[in-house]
Amino acid sequence: GDAIGHGTAMALAAAGFGFTAAYV
């Protein structure tokens, strides 16, 4: 968050749920 901004970090974190769906 300090390095790239809190908004960008929040957006990238959404990939966590996406990975779960794709893996299953």
PDB file of all heavy atoms in Angstrom:
ATOM      1  N   GLY A   1       0.810  -1.208   0.000  1.00  0.00           N
ATOM      2  CA  GLY A   1       0.000   0.000   0.000  1.00  0.00           C
ATOM      3  C   GLY A   1       0.844   1.257   0.000  1.00  0.00           C
ATOM      4  O   GLY A   1       0.530   2.234  -0.692  1.00  0.00           O
ATOM      5  N   ASP A   2       1.933   1.254   0.781  1.00  0.00           N
ATOM      6  CA  ASP A   2       2.827   2.413   0.789  1.00  0.00           C
ATOM      7  C   ASP A   2       3.578   2.548  -0.533  1.00  0.00           C
ATOM      8  O   ASP A   2       3.916   3.654  -0.967  1.00  0.00           O
ATOM      9  CB  ASP A   2       3.845   2.291   1.932  1.00  0.00           C
ATOM     10  CG  ASP A   2       3.262   2.699   3.279  1.00  0.00           C
ATOM     11  OD1 ASP A   2       2.286   3.477   3.297  1.00  0.00           O
ATOM     12  OD2 ASP A   2       3.772   2.223   4.315  1.00  0.00           O
ATOM     13  N   ALA A   3       3.830   1.415  -1.211  1.00  0.00           N
ATOM     14  CA  ALA A   3       4.650   1.440  -2.422  1.00  0.00           C
ATOM     15  C   ALA A   3       3.856   1.808  -3.675  1.00  0.00           C
ATOM     16  O   ALA A   3       4.316   2.618  -4.497  1.00  0.00           O
ATOM     17  CB  ALA A   3       5.318   0.074  -2.626  1.00  0.00           C
ATOM     18  N   ILE A   4       2.660   1.234  -3.838  1.00  0.00           N
ATOM     19  CA  ILE A   4       1.915   1.451  -5.092  1.00  0.00           C
ATOM     20  C   ILE A   4       0.572   2.132  -4.872  1.00  0.00           C
ATOM     21  O   ILE A   4      -0.157   2.403  -5.824  1.00  0.00           O
ATOM     22  CB  ILE A   4       1.692   0.119  -5.835  1.00  0.00           C
ATOM     23  CG1 ILE A   4       0.769  -0.806  -5.035  1.00  0.00           C
ATOM     24  CG2 ILE A   4       3.015  -0.573  -6.129  1.00  0.00           C
ATOM     25  CD1 ILE A   4       0.394  -2.087  -5.773  1.00  0.00           C
ATOM     26  N   GLY A   5       0.210   2.397  -3.626  1.00  0.00           N
ATOM     27  CA  GLY A   5      -1.069   3.041  -3.351  1.00  0.00           C
ATOM     28  C   GLY A   5      -2.100   2.048  -2.849  1.00  0.00           C
ATOM     29  O   GLY A   5      -2.142   0.903  -3.301  1.00  0.00           O
ATOM     30  N   HIS A   6      -2.927   2.504  -1.890  1.00  0.00           N
ATOM     31  CA  HIS A   6      -3.902   1.602  -1.269  1.00  0.00           C
ATOM     32  C   HIS A   6      -4.984   1.147  -2.232  1.00  0.00           C
ATOM     33  O   HIS A   6      -5.462   0.018  -2.165  1.00  0.00           O
ATOM     34  CB  HIS A   6      -4.527   2.282  -0.036  1.00  0.00           C
ATOM     35  CG  HIS A   6      -4.939   3.699  -0.273  1.00  0.00           C
ATOM     36  ND1 HIS A   6      -6.035   4.054  -1.012  1.00  0.00           N
ATOM     37  CD2 HIS A   6      -4.360   4.857   0.137  1.00  0.00           C
ATOM     38  CE1 HIS A   6      -6.153   5.369  -1.039  1.00  0.00           C
ATOM     39  NE2 HIS A   6      -5.146   5.888  -0.357  1.00  0.00           N
ATOM     40  N   GLY A   7      -5.393   2.010  -3.171  1.00  0.00           N
ATOM     41  CA  GLY A   7      -6.439   1.620  -4.122  1.00  0.00           C
ATOM     42  C   GLY A   7      -5.983   0.521  -5.053  1.00  0.00           C
ATOM     43  O   GLY A   7      -6.715  -0.450  -5.307  1.00  0.00           O
ATOM     44  N   THR A   8      -4.762   0.649  -5.563  1.00  0.00           N
ATOM     45  CA  THR A   8      -4.213  -0.374  -6.460  1.00  0.00           C
ATOM     46  C   THR A   8      -4.042  -1.704  -5.732  1.00  0.00           C
ATOM     47  O   THR A   8      -4.333  -2.777  -6.278  1.00  0.00           O
ATOM     48  CB  THR A   8      -2.870   0.088  -7.028  1.00  0.00           C
ATOM     49  OG1 THR A   8      -3.033   1.348  -7.680  1.00  0.00           O
ATOM     50  CG2 THR A   8      -2.318  -0.928  -8.013  1.00  0.00           C
ATOM     51  N   ALA A   9      -3.585  -1.630  -4.480  1.00  0.00           N
ATOM     52  CA  ALA A   9      -3.412  -2.859  -3.695  1.00  0.00           C
ATOM     53  C   ALA A   9      -4.758  -3.538  -3.461  1.00  0.00           C
ATOM     54  O   ALA A   9      -4.868  -4.773  -3.523  1.00  0.00           O
ATOM     55  CB  ALA A   9      -2.744  -2.534  -2.360  1.00  0.00           C
ATOM     56  N   MET A  10      -5.792  -2.752  -3.190  1.00  0.00           N
ATOM     57  CA  MET A  10      -7.138  -3.312  -3.006  1.00  0.00           C
ATOM     58  C   MET A  10      -7.611  -4.021  -4.274  1.00  0.00           C
ATOM     59  O   MET A  10      -8.174  -5.120  -4.222  1.00  0.00           O
ATOM     60  CB  MET A  10      -8.118  -2.195  -2.647  1.00  0.00           C
ATOM     61  CG  MET A  10      -8.082  -1.743  -1.212  1.00  0.00           C
ATOM     62  SD  MET A  10      -9.165  -2.727  -0.141  1.00  0.00           S
ATOM     63  CE  MET A  10     -10.786  -2.203  -0.720  1.00  0.00           C
ATOM     64  N   ALA A  11      -7.376  -3.391  -5.431  1.00  0.00           N
ATOM     65  CA  ALA A  11      -7.829  -3.978  -6.692  1.00  0.00           C
ATOM     66  C   ALA A  11      -7.100  -5.286  -6.988  1.00  0.00           C
ATOM     67  O   ALA A  11      -7.705  -6.275  -7.418  1.00  0.00           O
ATOM     68  CB  ALA A  11      -7.619  -2.981  -7.830  1.00  0.00           C
ATOM     69  N   LEU A  12      -5.786  -5.318  -6.743  1.00  0.00           N
ATOM     70  CA  LEU A  12      -5.019  -6.536  -6.996  1.00  0.00           C
ATOM     71  C   LEU A  12      -5.453  -7.681  -6.090  1.00  0.00           C
ATOM     72  O   LEU A  12      -5.411  -8.851  -6.479  1.00  0.00           O
ATOM     73  CB  LEU A  12      -3.528  -6.255  -6.800  1.00  0.00           C
ATOM     74  CG  LEU A  12      -2.851  -5.381  -7.857  1.00  0.00           C
ATOM     75  CD1 LEU A  12      -1.406  -5.089  -7.465  1.00  0.00           C
ATOM     76  CD2 LEU A  12      -2.909  -6.044  -9.222  1.00  0.00           C
ATOM     77  N   ALA A  13      -5.885  -7.337  -4.870  1.00  0.00           N
ATOM     78  CA  ALA A  13      -6.274  -8.377  -3.915  1.00  0.00           C
ATOM     79  C   ALA A  13      -7.498  -9.163  -4.375  1.00  0.00           C
ATOM     80  O   ALA A  13      -7.700 -10.306  -3.953  1.00  0.00           O
ATOM     81  CB  ALA A  13      -6.537  -7.755  -2.551  1.00  0.00           C
ATOM     82  N   ALA A  14      -8.323  -8.571  -5.236  1.00  0.00           N
ATOM     83  CA  ALA A  14      -9.509  -9.280  -5.732  1.00  0.00           C
ATOM     84  C   ALA A  14      -9.136 -10.571  -6.458  1.00  0.00           C
ATOM     85  O   ALA A  14      -9.957 -11.490  -6.574  1.00  0.00           O
ATOM     86  CB  ALA A  14     -10.311  -8.366  -6.660  1.00  0.00           C
ATOM     87  N   ALA A  15      -7.893 -10.646  -6.935  1.00  0.00           N
ATOM     88  CA  ALA A  15      -7.460 -11.852  -7.653  1.00  0.00           C
ATOM     89  C   ALA A  15      -7.462 -13.081  -6.765  1.00  0.00           C
ATOM     90  O   ALA A  15      -7.469 -14.208  -7.263  1.00  0.00           O
ATOM     91  CB  ALA A  15      -6.063 -11.638  -8.237  1.00  0.00           C
ATOM     92  N   GLY A  16      -7.446 -12.886  -5.434  1.00  0.00           N
ATOM     93  CA  GLY A  16      -7.466 -14.036  -4.533  1.00  0.00           C
ATOM     94  C   GLY A  16      -8.705 -14.884  -4.712  1.00  0.00           C
ATOM     95  O   GLY A  16      -8.623 -16.122  -4.823  1.00  0.00           O
ATOM     96  N   PHE A  17      -9.878 -14.249  -4.740  1.00  0.00           N
ATOM     97  CA  PHE A  17     -11.118 -14.990  -4.970  1.00  0.00           C
ATOM     98  C   PHE A  17     -11.140 -15.572  -6.373  1.00  0.00           C
ATOM     99  O   PHE A  17     -11.644 -16.673  -6.604  1.00  0.00           O
ATOM    100  CB  PHE A  17     -12.326 -14.075  -4.768  1.00  0.00           C
ATOM    101  CG  PHE A  17     -12.705 -13.874  -3.327  1.00  0.00           C
ATOM    102  CD1 PHE A  17     -11.901 -14.316  -2.291  1.00  0.00           C
ATOM    103  CD2 PHE A  17     -13.889 -13.226  -2.996  1.00  0.00           C
ATOM    104  CE1 PHE A  17     -12.237 -14.128  -0.973  1.00  0.00           C
ATOM    105  CE2 PHE A  17     -14.252 -13.031  -1.661  1.00  0.00           C
ATOM    106  CZ  PHE A  17     -13.423 -13.481  -0.654  1.00  0.00           C
ATOM    107  N   GLY A  18     -10.608 -14.806  -7.343  1.00  0.00           N
ATOM    108  CA  GLY A  18     -10.589 -15.296  -8.722  1.00  0.00           C
ATOM    109  C   GLY A  18      -9.757 -16.548  -8.865  1.00  0.00           C
ATOM    110  O   GLY A  18     -10.133 -17.481  -9.592  1.00  0.00           O
ATOM    111  N   PHE A  19      -8.620 -16.627  -8.165  1.00  0.00           N
ATOM    112  CA  PHE A  19      -7.781 -17.824  -8.221  1.00  0.00           C
ATOM    113  C   PHE A  19      -8.536 -19.039  -7.707  1.00  0.00           C
ATOM    114  O   PHE A  19      -8.440 -20.134  -8.287  1.00  0.00           O
ATOM    115  CB  PHE A  19      -6.509 -17.611  -7.392  1.00  0.00           C
ATOM    116  CG  PHE A  19      -5.694 -18.864  -7.211  1.00  0.00           C
ATOM    117  CD1 PHE A  19      -4.794 -19.265  -8.191  1.00  0.00           C
ATOM    118  CD2 PHE A  19      -5.848 -19.657  -6.079  1.00  0.00           C
ATOM    119  CE1 PHE A  19      -4.061 -20.434  -8.036  1.00  0.00           C
ATOM    120  CE2 PHE A  19      -5.115 -20.820  -5.916  1.00  0.00           C
ATOM    121  CZ  PHE A  19      -4.216 -21.206  -6.902  1.00  0.00           C
ATOM    122  N   THR A  20      -9.272 -18.876  -6.616  1.00  0.00           N
ATOM    123  CA  THR A  20     -10.023 -19.998  -6.048  1.00  0.00           C
ATOM    124  C   THR A  20     -10.994 -20.578  -7.061  1.00  0.00           C
ATOM    125  O   THR A  20     -11.088 -21.799  -7.249  1.00  0.00           O
ATOM    126  CB  THR A  20     -10.782 -19.546  -4.791  1.00  0.00           C
ATOM    127  OG1 THR A  20      -9.841 -19.097  -3.819  1.00  0.00           O
ATOM    128  CG2 THR A  20     -11.616 -20.664  -4.211  1.00  0.00           C
ATOM    129  N   ALA A  21     -11.737 -19.692  -7.731  1.00  0.00           N
ATOM    130  CA  ALA A  21     -12.701 -20.156  -8.730  1.00  0.00           C
ATOM    131  C   ALA A  21     -12.001 -20.868  -9.878  1.00  0.00           C
ATOM    132  O   ALA A  21     -12.436 -21.943 -10.324  1.00  0.00           O
ATOM    133  CB  ALA A  21     -13.515 -18.974  -9.254  1.00  0.00           C
ATOM    134  N   ALA A  22     -10.901 -20.288 -10.370  1.00  0.00           N
ATOM    135  CA  ALA A  22     -10.193 -20.875 -11.511  1.00  0.00           C
ATOM    136  C   ALA A  22      -9.571 -22.222 -11.163  1.00  0.00           C
ATOM    137  O   ALA A  22      -9.609 -23.160 -11.962  1.00  0.00           O
ATOM    138  CB  ALA A  22      -9.121 -19.898 -12.000  1.00  0.00           C
ATOM    139  N   TYR A  23      -9.007 -22.336  -9.961  1.00  0.00           N
ATOM    140  CA  TYR A  23      -8.350 -23.585  -9.570  1.00  0.00           C
ATOM    141  C   TYR A  23      -9.358 -24.729  -9.478  1.00  0.00           C
ATOM    142  O   TYR A  23      -9.102 -25.842  -9.969  1.00  0.00           O
ATOM    143  CB  TYR A  23      -7.635 -23.405  -8.230  1.00  0.00           C
ATOM    144  CG  TYR A  23      -6.805 -24.597  -7.821  1.00  0.00           C
ATOM    145  CD1 TYR A  23      -5.489 -24.721  -8.242  1.00  0.00           C
ATOM    146  CD2 TYR A  23      -7.347 -25.614  -7.037  1.00  0.00           C
ATOM    147  CE1 TYR A  23      -4.713 -25.823  -7.887  1.00  0.00           C
ATOM    148  CE2 TYR A  23      -6.591 -26.728  -6.676  1.00  0.00           C
ATOM    149  CZ  TYR A  23      -5.280 -26.824  -7.103  1.00  0.00           C
ATOM    150  OH  TYR A  23      -4.538 -27.921  -6.753  1.00  0.00           O
ATOM    151  N   VAL A  24     -10.497 -24.467  -8.837  1.00  0.00           N
ATOM    152  CA  VAL A  24     -11.516 -25.508  -8.727  1.00  0.00           C
ATOM    153  C   VAL A  24     -12.026 -25.898 -10.109  1.00  0.00           C
ATOM    154  O   VAL A  24     -12.288 -27.079 -10.388  1.00  0.00           O
ATOM    155  CB  VAL A  24     -12.673 -25.033  -7.825  1.00  0.00           C
ATOM    156  CG1 VAL A  24     -13.803 -26.072  -7.806  1.00  0.00           C
ATOM    157  CG2 VAL A  24     -12.175 -24.774  -6.412  1.00  0.00           C
TER     158      VAL A  24
END
